[in-house]
C-alpha atoms as a PDB file:
ATOM      1  CA  MET A   1       6.606   8.758   9.342  1.00  0.00           C
ATOM      2  CA  VAL A   2       5.588  10.414  11.301  1.00  0.00           C
ATOM      3  CA  TYR A   3       2.604   9.149  14.408  1.00  0.00           C
ATOM      4  CA  ILE A   4       1.219  11.103  17.548  1.00  0.00           C
ATOM      5  CA  GLU A   5       3.088   9.756  20.883  1.00  0.00           C
ATOM      6  CA  SER A   6       1.040  11.199  23.593  1.00  0.00           C
ATOM      7  CA  ALA A   7      -2.631  14.290  23.083  1.00  0.00           C
ATOM      8  CA  GLU A   8      -3.178  16.105  25.634  1.00  0.00           C
ATOM      9  CA  TYR A   9      -6.503  18.252  26.269  1.00  0.00           C
ATOM     10  CA  VAL A  10      -6.155  21.791  26.613  1.00  0.00           C
ATOM     11  CA  GLY A  11      -9.486  23.529  26.380  1.00  0.00           C
ATOM     12  CA  GLY A  12     -11.943  24.208  24.301  1.00  0.00           C
ATOM     13  CA  TYR A  13     -11.502  22.212  20.615  1.00  0.00           C
ATOM     14  CA  LYS A  14      -8.011  22.068  21.063  1.00  0.00           C
ATOM     15  CA  ILE A  15      -4.882  19.371  22.064  1.00  0.00           C
ATOM     16  CA  LYS A  16      -1.604  20.108  22.450  1.00  0.00           C
ATOM     17  CA  LEU A  17       0.183  17.076  20.560  1.00  0.00           C
ATOM     18  CA  VAL A  18       3.665  15.147  20.794  1.00  0.00           C
ATOM     19  CA  PHE A  19       4.586  14.003  17.499  1.00  0.00           C
ATOM     20  CA  ASN A  20       7.935  11.203  17.848  1.00  0.00           C
ATOM     21  CA  THR A  21       9.848  14.145  15.613  1.00  0.00           C
ATOM     22  CA  GLY A  22      10.154  15.459  18.794  1.00  0.00           C
ATOM     23  CA  GLU A  23       8.628  18.572  17.728  1.00  0.00           C
ATOM     24  CA  SER A  24       4.566  19.355  19.460  1.00  0.00           C
ATOM     25  CA  GLY A  25       2.190  22.075  19.006  1.00  0.00           C
ATOM     26  CA  VAL A  26      -1.807  22.950  20.263  1.00  0.00           C
ATOM     27  CA  VAL A  27      -4.211  22.173  17.069  1.00  0.00           C
ATOM     28  CA  ASP A  28      -7.404  24.120  17.531  1.00  0.00           C
ATOM     29  CA  LEU A  29     -10.321  21.281  15.603  1.00  0.00           C
ATOM     30  CA  SER A  30     -12.640  23.561  16.371  1.00  0.00           C
ATOM     31  CA  ASP A  31     -13.562  23.160  12.328  1.00  0.00           C
ATOM     32  CA  VAL A  32     -13.986  19.707  12.574  1.00  0.00           C
ATOM     33  CA  PRO A  33     -17.259  19.249  13.244  1.00  0.00           C
ATOM     34  CA  ASP A  34     -18.570  21.286  10.709  1.00  0.00           C
ATOM     35  CA  MET A  35     -16.338  19.146   8.494  1.00  0.00           C
ATOM     36  CA  PHE A  36     -17.635  15.707   8.196  1.00  0.00           C
ATOM     37  CA  GLU A  37     -20.665  14.511   9.265  1.00  0.00           C
ATOM     38  CA  ALA A  38     -18.511  11.462  10.924  1.00  0.00           C
ATOM     39  CA  ALA A  39     -17.039  14.142  13.840  1.00  0.00           C
ATOM     40  CA  LYS A  40     -20.374  15.496  14.386  1.00  0.00           C
ATOM     41  CA  PRO A  41     -20.805  14.671  18.028  1.00  0.00           C
ATOM     42  CA  LEU A  42     -17.843  16.121  19.222  1.00  0.00           C
ATOM     43  CA  LYS A  43     -19.659  19.510  18.934  1.00  0.00           C
ATOM     44  CA  ASP A  44     -20.460  18.626  22.231  1.00  0.00           C
ATOM     45  CA  THR A  45     -16.968  19.900  24.101  1.00  0.00           C
ATOM     46  CA  ALA A  46     -17.719  16.599  26.758  1.00  0.00           C
ATOM     47  CA  VAL A  47     -17.449  13.924  24.418  1.00  0.00           C
ATOM     48  CA  PHE A  48     -14.483  15.588  21.982  1.00  0.00           C
ATOM     49  CA  GLN A  49     -12.547  15.136  25.693  1.00  0.00           C
ATOM     50  CA  GLN A  50     -12.724  11.978  25.211  1.00  0.00           C
ATOM     51  CA  PHE A  51     -10.543  11.463  22.545  1.00  0.00           C
ATOM     52  CA  PHE A  52      -7.676   8.751  23.372  1.00  0.00           C
ATOM     53  CA  LEU A  53      -4.411   7.072  21.259  1.00  0.00           C
ATOM     54  CA  ASP A  54      -5.341   3.998  19.205  1.00  0.00           C
ATOM     55  CA  ASP A  55      -2.808   1.012  18.289  1.00  0.00           C
ATOM     56  CA  TRP A  56      -1.838   3.394  15.264  1.00  0.00           C
ATOM     57  CA  PRO A  57      -0.873   5.640  16.623  1.00  0.00           C
ATOM     58  CA  THR A  58      -3.741   7.369  15.845  1.00  0.00           C
ATOM     59  CA  LEU A  59      -5.845  10.340  18.188  1.00  0.00           C
ATOM     60  CA  VAL A  60      -9.925   9.206  17.483  1.00  0.00           C
ATOM     61  CA  TRP A  61     -13.546   9.238  19.654  1.00  0.00           C
ATOM     62  CA  PRO A  62     -15.107   6.549  20.162  1.00  0.00           C
ATOM     63  CA  CYS A  63     -17.659   7.767  17.769  1.00  0.00           C
ATOM     64  CA  GLY A  64     -15.707   6.506  15.376  1.00  0.00           C
ATOM     65  CA  PHE A  65     -14.101   9.076  14.364  1.00  0.00           C
ATOM     66  CA  ASP A  66     -10.350   9.821  13.892  1.00  0.00           C
ATOM     67  CA  LEU A  67      -7.648  12.407  12.324  1.00  0.00           C
ATOM     68  CA  ALA A  68      -4.659  11.488  10.728  1.00  0.00           C
ATOM     69  CA  PRO A  69      -1.437  11.949  11.941  1.00  0.00           C
ATOM     70  CA  GLU A  70      -0.155  13.850   9.348  1.00  0.00           C
ATOM     71  CA  MET A  71      -3.262  15.768   9.155  1.00  0.00           C
ATOM     72  CA  LEU A  72      -2.674  17.619  12.534  1.00  0.00           C
ATOM     73  CA  TYR A  73       0.901  17.859  12.281  1.00  0.00           C
ATOM     74  CA  GLN A  74       0.566  19.809   9.809  1.00  0.00           C
ATOM     75  CA  ARG A  75      -1.700  21.823  11.858  1.00  0.00           C
ATOM     76  CA  ALA A  76       0.241  21.574  15.072  1.00  0.00           C
ATOM     77  CA  THR A  77       4.310  22.668  12.973  1.00  0.00           C
ATOM     78  CA  GLY A  78       2.788  24.312   9.719  1.00  0.00           C
ATOM     79  CA  LYS A  79       4.950  21.487   8.142  1.00  0.00           C
ATOM     80  CA  SER A  80       3.516  19.155   5.064  1.00  0.00           C
ATOM     81  CA  SER A  81       4.932  15.430   6.447  1.00  0.00           C
ATOM     82  CA  SER A  82       4.042  12.657   3.786  1.00  0.00           C
ATOM     83  CA  TRP A  83       4.658   8.697   4.342  1.00  0.00           C
ATOM     84  CA  LYS A  84       7.041   9.164   1.508  1.00  0.00           C
ATOM     85  CA  GLU A  85       9.372  11.321   3.017  1.00  0.00           C
ATOM     86  CA  ALA A  86      10.543   8.591   5.541  1.00  0.00           C
ATOM     87  CA  MET A  87      11.372   6.004   3.226  1.00  0.00           C
END
């Protein structure tokens, strides 16, 4: 199973992610606030910057919005990841 080991804000709507696979990449999440109603508060970059990793670890914001590590892995590396692959 792919999970995020660290996340670092790099500017705008971009976050550098490091995964347990040893791979890393920068994801541009500028489209996310318009894709999901729960993500609307993230249009404010000051709010966007308040992300953290929860216990799963999943990328989460205080407004309650989160993004699955698998989706972020695909955006960061261009590779798909499935929990089934880990079995």
